[in-house]
């Protein structure tokens, strides 16, 4: 029984966790880049370098975690999508609601 739990952990849970970490890195770095984009004198270089770094590390992570197995790649992708939702939720700018005076 413990053999199968260890297999499930290594085959699906670990790629899910790595996908979460890759997603937090990718979307966190994207958020950081966009916050610095307008104030940077080298905005194009910053954006391009960030793009290549983010995509390169993410694709490499998916490649090494997946090991040619579609189940592991799918688990990693699921973690990546969950991280996207989490990062967007935590980095969202709160909208101000106007105060309405009651009559």
PDB file of N, CA and C in Angstrom:
ATOM      1  N   UNK A   1       0.823  -1.203   0.000  1.00  0.00           N
ATOM      2  CA  UNK A   1       0.000   0.000   0.000  1.00  0.00           C
ATOM      3  C   UNK A   1       0.860   1.258   0.000  1.00  0.00           C
ATOM      4  N   UNK A   2       1.927   1.278   0.823  1.00  0.00           N
ATOM      5  CA  UNK A   2       2.776   2.464   0.877  1.00  0.00           C
ATOM      6  C   UNK A   2       3.564   2.648  -0.419  1.00  0.00           C
ATOM      7  N   UNK A   3       3.851   1.543  -1.128  1.00  0.00           N
ATOM      8  CA  UNK A   3       4.520   1.659  -2.419  1.00  0.00           C
ATOM      9  C   UNK A   3       3.683   2.463  -3.396  1.00  0.00           C
ATOM     10  N   UNK A   4       2.399   2.182  -3.444  1.00  0.00           N
ATOM     11  CA  UNK A   4       1.541   2.885  -4.392  1.00  0.00           C
ATOM     12  C   UNK A   4       1.352   4.343  -3.992  1.00  0.00           C
ATOM     13  N   UNK A   5       1.304   4.645  -2.687  1.00  0.00           N
ATOM     14  CA  UNK A   5       1.187   6.037  -2.249  1.00  0.00           C
ATOM     15  C   UNK A   5       2.447   6.825  -2.598  1.00  0.00           C
ATOM     16  N   UNK A   6       3.592   6.211  -2.453  1.00  0.00           N
ATOM     17  CA  UNK A   6       4.836   6.871  -2.834  1.00  0.00           C
ATOM     18  C   UNK A   6       4.886   7.123  -4.330  1.00  0.00           C
ATOM     19  N   UNK A   7       4.404   6.160  -5.102  1.00  0.00           N
ATOM     20  CA  UNK A   7       4.365   6.344  -6.554  1.00  0.00           C
ATOM     21  C   UNK A   7       3.438   7.486  -6.941  1.00  0.00           C
ATOM     22  N   UNK A   8       2.255   7.518  -6.331  1.00  0.00           N
ATOM     23  CA  UNK A   8       1.314   8.599  -6.621  1.00  0.00           C
ATOM     24  C   UNK A   8       1.928   9.933  -6.241  1.00  0.00           C
ATOM     25  N   UNK A   9       2.590   9.986  -5.093  1.00  0.00           N
ATOM     26  CA  UNK A   9       3.214  11.228  -4.651  1.00  0.00           C
ATOM     27  C   UNK A   9       4.260  11.695  -5.646  1.00  0.00           C
ATOM     28  N   UNK A  10       5.126  10.807  -6.056  1.00  0.00           N
ATOM     29  CA  UNK A  10       6.189  11.187  -6.979  1.00  0.00           C
ATOM     30  C   UNK A  10       5.666  11.466  -8.375  1.00  0.00           C
ATOM     31  N   UNK A  11       4.648  10.722  -8.798  1.00  0.00           N
ATOM     32  CA  UNK A  11       4.166  10.850 -10.159  1.00  0.00           C
ATOM     33  C   UNK A  11       3.213  12.018 -10.362  1.00  0.00           C
ATOM     34  N   UNK A  12       2.454  12.404  -9.345  1.00  0.00           N
ATOM     35  CA  UNK A  12       1.448  13.446  -9.560  1.00  0.00           C
ATOM     36  C   UNK A  12       1.543  14.627  -8.600  1.00  0.00           C
ATOM     37  N   UNK A  13       1.791  14.370  -7.328  1.00  0.00           N
ATOM     38  CA  UNK A  13       1.811  15.464  -6.359  1.00  0.00           C
ATOM     39  C   UNK A  13       3.044  16.346  -6.556  1.00  0.00           C
ATOM     40  N   UNK A  14       4.194  15.734  -6.733  1.00  0.00           N
ATOM     41  CA  UNK A  14       5.411  16.529  -6.930  1.00  0.00           C
ATOM     42  C   UNK A  14       5.337  17.388  -8.189  1.00  0.00           C
ATOM     43  N   UNK A  15       4.887  16.882  -9.333  1.00  0.00           N
ATOM     44  CA  UNK A  15       4.738  17.768 -10.495  1.00  0.00           C
ATOM     45  C   UNK A  15       3.723  18.878 -10.260  1.00  0.00           C
ATOM     46  N   UNK A  16       2.668  18.606  -9.487  1.00  0.00           N
ATOM     47  CA  UNK A  16       1.695  19.639  -9.158  1.00  0.00           C
ATOM     48  C   UNK A  16       2.350  20.748  -8.344  1.00  0.00           C
ATOM     49  N   UNK A  17       3.149  20.385  -7.359  1.00  0.00           N
ATOM     50  CA  UNK A  17       3.839  21.372  -6.521  1.00  0.00           C
ATOM     51  C   UNK A  17       4.865  22.152  -7.341  1.00  0.00           C
ATOM     52  N   UNK A  18       5.597  21.464  -8.183  1.00  0.00           N
ATOM     53  CA  UNK A  18       6.577  22.148  -9.030  1.00  0.00           C
ATOM     54  C   UNK A  18       5.860  23.088  -9.999  1.00  0.00           C
ATOM     55  N   UNK A  19       4.707  22.679 -10.520  1.00  0.00           N
ATOM     56  CA  UNK A  19       3.908  23.550 -11.374  1.00  0.00           C
ATOM     57  C   UNK A  19       3.451  24.796 -10.635  1.00  0.00           C
ATOM     58  N   UNK A  20       3.063  24.634  -9.378  1.00  0.00           N
ATOM     59  CA  UNK A  20       2.701  25.799  -8.557  1.00  0.00           C
ATOM     60  C   UNK A  20       3.890  26.753  -8.414  1.00  0.00           C
ATOM     61  N   UNK A  21       5.053  26.189  -8.122  1.00  0.00           N
ATOM     62  CA  UNK A  21       6.251  27.026  -7.966  1.00  0.00           C
ATOM     63  C   UNK A  21       6.632  27.713  -9.276  1.00  0.00           C
ATOM     64  N   UNK A  22       6.541  26.983 -10.382  1.00  0.00           N
ATOM     65  CA  UNK A  22       6.834  27.590 -11.679  1.00  0.00           C
ATOM     66  C   UNK A  22       5.846  28.703 -11.994  1.00  0.00           C
ATOM     67  N   UNK A  23       4.582  28.483 -11.679  1.00  0.00           N
ATOM     68  CA  UNK A  23       3.564  29.501 -11.922  1.00  0.00           C
ATOM     69  C   UNK A  23       3.773  30.734 -11.065  1.00  0.00           C
ATOM     70  N   UNK A  24       4.110  30.535  -9.796  1.00  0.00           N
ATOM     71  CA  UNK A  24       4.377  31.681  -8.922  1.00  0.00           C
ATOM     72  C   UNK A  24       5.584  32.458  -9.443  1.00  0.00           C
ATOM     73  N   UNK A  25       6.619  31.745  -9.875  1.00  0.00           N
ATOM     74  CA  UNK A  25       7.779  32.426 -10.447  1.00  0.00           C
ATOM     75  C   UNK A  25       7.394  33.196 -11.704  1.00  0.00           C
ATOM     76  N   UNK A  26       6.703  32.534 -12.637  1.00  0.00           N
ATOM     77  CA  UNK A  26       6.386  33.141 -13.923  1.00  0.00           C
ATOM     78  C   UNK A  26       5.510  34.376 -13.752  1.00  0.00           C
ATOM     79  N   UNK A  27       4.395  34.227 -13.062  1.00  0.00           N
ATOM     80  CA  UNK A  27       3.462  35.338 -12.946  1.00  0.00           C
ATOM     81  C   UNK A  27       3.922  36.383 -11.929  1.00  0.00           C
ATOM     82  N   UNK A  28       4.682  35.970 -10.931  1.00  0.00           N
ATOM     83  CA  UNK A  28       5.276  36.938 -10.015  1.00  0.00           C
ATOM     84  C   UNK A  28       6.314  37.800 -10.720  1.00  0.00           C
ATOM     85  N   UNK A  29       7.140  37.179 -11.546  1.00  0.00           N
ATOM     86  CA  UNK A  29       8.129  37.940 -12.313  1.00  0.00           C
ATOM     87  C   UNK A  29       7.454  38.835 -13.350  1.00  0.00           C
ATOM     88  N   UNK A  30       6.359  38.374 -13.920  1.00  0.00           N
ATOM     89  CA  UNK A  30       5.607  39.208 -14.856  1.00  0.00           C
ATOM     90  C   UNK A  30       5.050  40.435 -14.138  1.00  0.00           C
ATOM     91  N   UNK A  31       4.504  40.244 -12.964  1.00  0.00           N
ATOM     92  CA  UNK A  31       3.978  41.362 -12.178  1.00  0.00           C
ATOM     93  C   UNK A  31       5.097  42.352 -11.839  1.00  0.00           C
ATOM     94  N   UNK A  32       6.240  41.826 -11.417  1.00  0.00           N
ATOM     95  CA  UNK A  32       7.376  42.684 -11.084  1.00  0.00           C
ATOM     96  C   UNK A  32       7.827  43.478 -12.313  1.00  0.00           C
ATOM     97  N   UNK A  33       7.899  42.816 -13.463  1.00  0.00           N
ATOM     98  CA  UNK A  33       8.320  43.473 -14.700  1.00  0.00           C
ATOM     99  C   UNK A  33       7.361  44.589 -15.085  1.00  0.00           C
ATOM    100  N   UNK A  34       6.077  44.320 -15.019  1.00  0.00           N
ATOM    101  CA  UNK A  34       5.099  45.332 -15.420  1.00  0.00           C
ATOM    102  C   UNK A  34       5.090  46.524 -14.478  1.00  0.00           C
ATOM    103  N   UNK A  35       5.381  46.308 -13.208  1.00  0.00           N
ATOM    104  CA  UNK A  35       5.439  47.427 -12.253  1.00  0.00           C
ATOM    105  C   UNK A  35       6.645  48.332 -12.539  1.00  0.00           C
ATOM    106  N   UNK A  36       7.702  47.771 -13.060  1.00  0.00           N
ATOM    107  CA  UNK A  36       8.917  48.554 -13.328  1.00  0.00           C
ATOM    108  C   UNK A  36       9.007  49.019 -14.779  1.00  0.00           C
ATOM    109  N   UNK A  37       8.108  48.555 -15.610  1.00  0.00           N
ATOM    110  CA  UNK A  37       8.166  48.802 -17.053  1.00  0.00           C
ATOM    111  C   UNK A  37       8.100  50.284 -17.394  1.00  0.00           C
ATOM    112  N   UNK A  38       7.150  50.999 -16.852  1.00  0.00           N
ATOM    113  CA  UNK A  38       6.954  52.398 -17.237  1.00  0.00           C
ATOM    114  C   UNK A  38       8.031  53.326 -16.696  1.00  0.00           C
ATOM    115  N   UNK A  39       8.603  52.992 -15.556  1.00  0.00           N
ATOM    116  CA  UNK A  39       9.603  53.879 -14.966  1.00  0.00           C
ATOM    117  C   UNK A  39      11.031  53.556 -15.411  1.00  0.00           C
ATOM    118  N   UNK A  40      11.218  52.518 -16.197  1.00  0.00           N
ATOM    119  CA  UNK A  40      12.557  52.124 -16.611  1.00  0.00           C
ATOM    120  C   UNK A  40      12.983  52.870 -17.874  1.00  0.00           C
ATOM    121  N   UNK A  41      14.224  53.355 -17.914  1.00  0.00           N
ATOM    122  CA  UNK A  41      14.704  53.985 -19.142  1.00  0.00           C
ATOM    123  C   UNK A  41      14.972  52.962 -20.251  1.00  0.00           C
ATOM    124  N   UNK A  42      15.116  51.707 -19.868  1.00  0.00           N
ATOM    125  CA  UNK A  42      15.348  50.631 -20.838  1.00  0.00           C
ATOM    126  C   UNK A  42      14.183  49.646 -20.793  1.00  0.00           C
ATOM    127  N   UNK A  43      12.994  50.134 -21.008  1.00  0.00           N
ATOM    128  CA  UNK A  43      11.789  49.327 -20.858  1.00  0.00           C
ATOM    129  C   UNK A  43      11.765  48.153 -21.825  1.00  0.00           C
ATOM    130  N   UNK A  44      12.161  48.363 -23.058  1.00  0.00           N
ATOM    131  CA  UNK A  44      12.149  47.285 -24.046  1.00  0.00           C
ATOM    132  C   UNK A  44      13.102  46.163 -23.680  1.00  0.00           C
ATOM    133  N   UNK A  45      14.295  46.526 -23.231  1.00  0.00           N
ATOM    134  CA  UNK A  45      15.278  45.522 -22.829  1.00  0.00           C
ATOM    135  C   UNK A  45      14.779  44.767 -21.600  1.00  0.00           C
ATOM    136  N   UNK A  46      14.216  45.497 -20.648  1.00  0.00           N
ATOM    137  CA  UNK A  46      13.688  44.876 -19.435  1.00  0.00           C
ATOM    138  C   UNK A  46      12.586  43.873 -19.770  1.00  0.00           C
ATOM    139  N   UNK A  47      11.648  44.285 -20.598  1.00  0.00           N
ATOM    140  CA  UNK A  47      10.525  43.415 -20.934  1.00  0.00           C
ATOM    141  C   UNK A  47      10.989  42.193 -21.720  1.00  0.00           C
ATOM    142  N   UNK A  48      11.884  42.389 -22.682  1.00  0.00           N
ATOM    143  CA  UNK A  48      12.369  41.280 -23.500  1.00  0.00           C
ATOM    144  C   UNK A  48      13.197  40.297 -22.672  1.00  0.00           C
ATOM    145  N   UNK A  49      14.090  40.807 -21.843  1.00  0.00           N
ATOM    146  CA  UNK A  49      14.914  39.932 -21.008  1.00  0.00           C
ATOM    147  C   UNK A  49      14.032  39.152 -20.030  1.00  0.00           C
ATOM    148  N   UNK A  50      13.052  39.830 -19.454  1.00  0.00           N
ATOM    149  CA  UNK A  50      12.144  39.156 -18.531  1.00  0.00           C
ATOM    150  C   UNK A  50      11.350  38.068 -19.240  1.00  0.00           C
ATOM    151  N   UNK A  51      10.891  38.357 -20.441  1.00  0.00           N
ATOM    152  CA  UNK A  51      10.127  37.373 -21.207  1.00  0.00           C
ATOM    153  C   UNK A  51      10.954  36.119 -21.473  1.00  0.00           C
ATOM    154  N   UNK A  52      12.167  36.303 -21.972  1.00  0.00           N
ATOM    155  CA  UNK A  52      13.011  35.147 -22.278  1.00  0.00           C
ATOM    156  C   UNK A  52      13.376  34.362 -21.021  1.00  0.00           C
ATOM    157  N   UNK A  53      13.658  35.051 -19.936  1.00  0.00           N
ATOM    158  CA  UNK A  53      14.003  34.379 -18.688  1.00  0.00           C
ATOM    159  C   UNK A  53      12.802  33.598 -18.150  1.00  0.00           C
ATOM    160  N   UNK A  54      11.635  34.239 -18.100  1.00  0.00           N
ATOM    161  CA  UNK A  54      10.438  33.579 -17.576  1.00  0.00           C
ATOM    162  C   UNK A  54      10.046  32.371 -18.418  1.00  0.00           C
ATOM    163  N   UNK A  55       9.983  32.560 -19.726  1.00  0.00           N
ATOM    164  CA  UNK A  55       9.566  31.462 -20.609  1.00  0.00           C
ATOM    165  C   UNK A  55      10.619  30.349 -20.611  1.00  0.00           C
ATOM    166  N   UNK A  56      11.876  30.711 -20.662  1.00  0.00           N
ATOM    167  CA  UNK A  56      12.940  29.710 -20.692  1.00  0.00           C
ATOM    168  C   UNK A  56      12.949  28.834 -19.456  1.00  0.00           C
ATOM    169  N   UNK A  57      12.885  29.447 -18.280  1.00  0.00           N
ATOM    170  CA  UNK A  57      12.896  28.655 -17.053  1.00  0.00           C
ATOM    171  C   UNK A  57      11.620  27.832 -16.889  1.00  0.00           C
ATOM    172  N   UNK A  58      10.503  28.386 -17.310  1.00  0.00           N
ATOM    173  CA  UNK A  58       9.244  27.650 -17.191  1.00  0.00           C
ATOM    174  C   UNK A  58       9.207  26.449 -18.122  1.00  0.00           C
ATOM    175  N   UNK A  59       9.606  26.639 -19.357  1.00  0.00           N
ATOM    176  CA  UNK A  59       9.626  25.518 -20.306  1.00  0.00           C
ATOM    177  C   UNK A  59      10.634  24.454 -19.858  1.00  0.00           C
ATOM    178  N   UNK A  60      11.787  24.874 -19.386  1.00  0.00           N
ATOM    179  CA  UNK A  60      12.772  23.915 -18.886  1.00  0.00           C
ATOM    180  C   UNK A  60      12.217  23.146 -17.684  1.00  0.00           C
ATOM    181  N   UNK A  61      11.517  23.832 -16.801  1.00  0.00           N
ATOM    182  CA  UNK A  61      10.906  23.179 -15.653  1.00  0.00           C
ATOM    183  C   UNK A  61       9.872  22.144 -16.070  1.00  0.00           C
ATOM    184  N   UNK A  62       9.015  22.513 -17.023  1.00  0.00           N
ATOM    185  CA  UNK A  62       8.026  21.563 -17.522  1.00  0.00           C
ATOM    186  C   UNK A  62       8.709  20.354 -18.173  1.00  0.00           C
ATOM    187  N   UNK A  63       9.764  20.600 -18.906  1.00  0.00           N
ATOM    188  CA  UNK A  63      10.473  19.525 -19.594  1.00  0.00           C
ATOM    189  C   UNK A  63      11.073  18.529 -18.593  1.00  0.00           C
ATOM    190  N   UNK A  64      11.758  19.055 -17.565  1.00  0.00           N
ATOM    191  CA  UNK A  64      12.401  18.167 -16.603  1.00  0.00           C
ATOM    192  C   UNK A  64      11.397  17.466 -15.692  1.00  0.00           C
ATOM    193  N   UNK A  65      10.330  18.155 -15.331  1.00  0.00           N
ATOM    194  CA  UNK A  65       9.328  17.540 -14.462  1.00  0.00           C
ATOM    195  C   UNK A  65       8.508  16.509 -15.228  1.00  0.00           C
ATOM    196  N   UNK A  66       8.185  16.815 -16.460  1.00  0.00           N
ATOM    197  CA  UNK A  66       7.323  15.935 -17.249  1.00  0.00           C
ATOM    198  C   UNK A  66       7.929  14.601 -17.567  1.00  0.00           C
ATOM    199  N   UNK A  67       9.213  14.550 -17.818  1.00  0.00           N
ATOM    200  CA  UNK A  67       9.927  13.322 -18.160  1.00  0.00           C
ATOM    201  C   UNK A  67       9.222  12.516 -19.244  1.00  0.00           C
ATOM    202  N   UNK A  68       8.584  13.206 -20.178  1.00  0.00           N
ATOM    203  CA  UNK A  68       7.945  12.537 -21.296  1.00  0.00           C
ATOM    204  C   UNK A  68       6.630  11.847 -20.967  1.00  0.00           C
ATOM    205  N   UNK A  69       6.115  12.072 -19.766  1.00  0.00           N
ATOM    206  CA  UNK A  69       4.850  11.445 -19.366  1.00  0.00           C
ATOM    207  C   UNK A  69       3.761  12.508 -19.341  1.00  0.00           C
ATOM    208  N   UNK A  70       2.699  12.273 -20.085  1.00  0.00           N
ATOM    209  CA  UNK A  70       1.664  13.295 -20.206  1.00  0.00           C
ATOM    210  C   UNK A  70       0.950  13.534 -18.872  1.00  0.00           C
ATOM    211  N   UNK A  71       0.880  12.525 -18.003  1.00  0.00           N
ATOM    212  CA  UNK A  71       0.231  12.704 -16.709  1.00  0.00           C
ATOM    213  C   UNK A  71       0.997  13.698 -15.839  1.00  0.00           C
ATOM    214  N   UNK A  72       2.312  13.584 -15.861  1.00  0.00           N
ATOM    215  CA  UNK A  72       3.143  14.499 -15.065  1.00  0.00           C
ATOM    216  C   UNK A  72       3.078  15.918 -15.633  1.00  0.00           C
ATOM    217  N   UNK A  73       3.078  16.030 -16.954  1.00  0.00           N
ATOM    218  CA  UNK A  73       2.979  17.347 -17.585  1.00  0.00           C
ATOM    219  C   UNK A  73       1.628  17.980 -17.277  1.00  0.00           C
ATOM    220  N   UNK A  74       0.579  17.185 -17.302  1.00  0.00           N
ATOM    221  CA  UNK A  74      -0.754  17.688 -16.988  1.00  0.00           C
ATOM    222  C   UNK A  74      -0.848  18.134 -15.532  1.00  0.00           C
ATOM    223  N   UNK A  75      -0.269  17.372 -14.609  1.00  0.00           N
ATOM    224  CA  UNK A  75      -0.267  17.765 -13.199  1.00  0.00           C
ATOM    225  C   UNK A  75       0.523  19.059 -13.013  1.00  0.00           C
ATOM    226  N   UNK A  76       1.632  19.202 -13.699  1.00  0.00           N
ATOM    227  CA  UNK A  76       2.437  20.420 -13.627  1.00  0.00           C
ATOM    228  C   UNK A  76       1.658  21.603 -14.198  1.00  0.00           C
ATOM    229  N   UNK A  77       0.975  21.397 -15.287  1.00  0.00           N
ATOM    230  CA  UNK A  77       0.162  22.449 -15.891  1.00  0.00           C
ATOM    231  C   UNK A  77      -0.977  22.860 -14.970  1.00  0.00           C
ATOM    232  N   UNK A  78      -1.583  21.908 -14.301  1.00  0.00           N
ATOM    233  CA  UNK A  78      -2.654  22.218 -13.357  1.00  0.00           C
ATOM    234  C   UNK A  78      -2.131  23.090 -12.215  1.00  0.00           C
ATOM    235  N   UNK A  79      -0.968  22.762 -11.685  1.00  0.00           N
ATOM    236  CA  UNK A  79      -0.352  23.588 -10.655  1.00  0.00           C
ATOM    237  C   UNK A  79      -0.026  24.977 -11.163  1.00  0.00           C
ATOM    238  N   UNK A  80       0.428  25.074 -12.398  1.00  0.00           N
ATOM    239  CA  UNK A  80       0.759  26.353 -13.022  1.00  0.00           C
ATOM    240  C   UNK A  80      -0.490  27.237 -13.131  1.00  0.00           C
ATOM    241  N   UNK A  81      -1.613  26.641 -13.533  1.00  0.00           N
ATOM    242  CA  UNK A  81      -2.865  27.396 -13.669  1.00  0.00           C
ATOM    243  C   UNK A  81      -3.377  27.839 -12.303  1.00  0.00           C
ATOM    244  N   UNK A  82      -3.273  26.981 -11.293  1.00  0.00           N
ATOM    245  CA  UNK A  82      -3.667  27.376  -9.944  1.00  0.00           C
ATOM    246  C   UNK A  82      -2.817  28.539  -9.448  1.00  0.00           C
ATOM    247  N   UNK A  83      -1.531  28.497  -9.738  1.00  0.00           N
ATOM    248  CA  UNK A  83      -0.641  29.583  -9.321  1.00  0.00           C
ATOM    249  C   UNK A  83      -1.001  30.877 -10.025  1.00  0.00           C
ATOM    250  N   UNK A  84      -1.405  30.790 -11.281  1.00  0.00           N
ATOM    251  CA  UNK A  84      -1.830  31.986 -12.012  1.00  0.00           C
ATOM    252  C   UNK A  84      -2.990  32.652 -11.300  1.00  0.00           C
ATOM    253  N   UNK A  85      -3.983  31.861 -10.935  1.00  0.00           N
ATOM    254  CA  UNK A  85      -5.146  32.411 -10.241  1.00  0.00           C
ATOM    255  C   UNK A  85      -4.743  33.024  -8.904  1.00  0.00           C
ATOM    256  N   UNK A  86      -3.865  32.359  -8.175  1.00  0.00           N
ATOM    257  CA  UNK A  86      -3.443  32.857  -6.865  1.00  0.00           C
ATOM    258  C   UNK A  86      -2.648  34.149  -6.987  1.00  0.00           C
ATOM    259  N   UNK A  87      -1.706  34.196  -7.910  1.00  0.00           N
ATOM    260  CA  UNK A  87      -0.890  35.405  -8.066  1.00  0.00           C
ATOM    261  C   UNK A  87      -1.753  36.576  -8.514  1.00  0.00           C
ATOM    262  N   UNK A  88      -2.656  36.349  -9.447  1.00  0.00           N
ATOM    263  CA  UNK A  88      -3.532  37.438  -9.887  1.00  0.00           C
ATOM    264  C   UNK A  88      -4.435  37.910  -8.765  1.00  0.00           C
ATOM    265  N   UNK A  89      -4.872  37.000  -7.921  1.00  0.00           N
ATOM    266  CA  UNK A  89      -5.729  37.393  -6.806  1.00  0.00           C
ATOM    267  C   UNK A  89      -4.963  38.247  -5.790  1.00  0.00           C
ATOM    268  N   UNK A  90      -3.718  37.859  -5.493  1.00  0.00           N
ATOM    269  CA  UNK A  90      -2.941  38.574  -4.486  1.00  0.00           C
ATOM    270  C   UNK A  90      -2.324  39.872  -4.999  1.00  0.00           C
ATOM    271  N   UNK A  91      -2.175  40.000  -6.300  1.00  0.00           N
ATOM    272  CA  UNK A  91      -1.552  41.215  -6.848  1.00  0.00           C
ATOM    273  C   UNK A  91      -2.568  42.163  -7.465  1.00  0.00           C
ATOM    274  N   UNK A  92      -3.825  41.834  -7.353  1.00  0.00           N
ATOM    275  CA  UNK A  92      -4.874  42.667  -7.933  1.00  0.00           C
ATOM    276  C   UNK A  92      -4.926  44.012  -7.213  1.00  0.00           C
ATOM    277  N   UNK A  93      -5.103  45.068  -8.008  1.00  0.00           N
ATOM    278  CA  UNK A  93      -5.237  46.406  -7.446  1.00  0.00           C
ATOM    279  C   UNK A  93      -6.683  46.566  -7.012  1.00  0.00           C
ATOM    280  N   UNK A  94      -6.840  46.965  -5.778  1.00  0.00           N
ATOM    281  CA  UNK A  94      -8.190  47.142  -5.255  1.00  0.00           C
ATOM    282  C   UNK A  94      -8.795  48.411  -5.841  1.00  0.00           C
ATOM    283  N   UNK A  95     -10.023  48.293  -6.335  1.00  0.00           N
ATOM    284  CA  UNK A  95     -10.724  49.460  -6.873  1.00  0.00           C
ATOM    285  C   UNK A  95     -11.365  50.224  -5.727  1.00  0.00           C
ATOM    286  N   UNK A  96     -11.309  51.512  -5.853  1.00  0.00           N
ATOM    287  CA  UNK A  96     -11.967  52.339  -4.841  1.00  0.00           C
ATOM    288  C   UNK A  96     -13.420  52.528  -5.243  1.00  0.00           C
ATOM    289  N   UNK A  97     -14.284  52.315  -4.305  1.00  0.00           N
ATOM    290  CA  UNK A  97     -15.700  52.564  -4.559  1.00  0.00           C
ATOM    291  C   UNK A  97     -16.042  53.964  -4.061  1.00  0.00           C
ATOM    292  N   UNK A  98     -16.715  54.730  -4.872  1.00  0.00           N
ATOM    293  CA  UNK A  98     -17.038  56.087  -4.442  1.00  0.00           C
ATOM    294  C   UNK A  98     -18.035  56.059  -3.290  1.00  0.00           C
ATOM    295  N   UNK A  99     -17.858  56.977  -2.377  1.00  0.00           N
ATOM    296  CA  UNK A  99     -18.762  57.122  -1.251  1.00  0.00           C
ATOM    297  C   UNK A  99     -20.015  57.840  -1.702  1.00  0.00           C
ATOM    298  N   UNK A 100     -21.128  57.277  -1.418  1.00  0.00           N
ATOM    299  CA  UNK A 100     -22.392  57.894  -1.797  1.00  0.00           C
ATOM    300  C   UNK A 100     -23.030  58.435  -0.530  1.00  0.00           C
ATOM    301  N   UNK A 101     -23.311  59.734  -0.551  1.00  0.00           N
ATOM    302  CA  UNK A 101     -23.975  60.341   0.602  1.00  0.00           C
ATOM    303  C   UNK A 101     -25.451  59.990   0.567  1.00  0.00           C
ATOM    304  N   UNK A 102     -25.942  59.606   1.699  1.00  0.00           N
ATOM    305  CA  UNK A 102     -27.369  59.312   1.743  1.00  0.00           C
ATOM    306  C   UNK A 102     -28.162  60.606   1.847  1.00  0.00           C
ATOM    307  N   UNK A 103     -29.339  60.600   1.282  1.00  0.00           N
ATOM    308  CA  UNK A 103     -30.169  61.799   1.264  1.00  0.00           C
ATOM    309  C   UNK A 103     -30.806  62.068   2.554  1.00  0.00           C
TER     310      UNK A 103
END
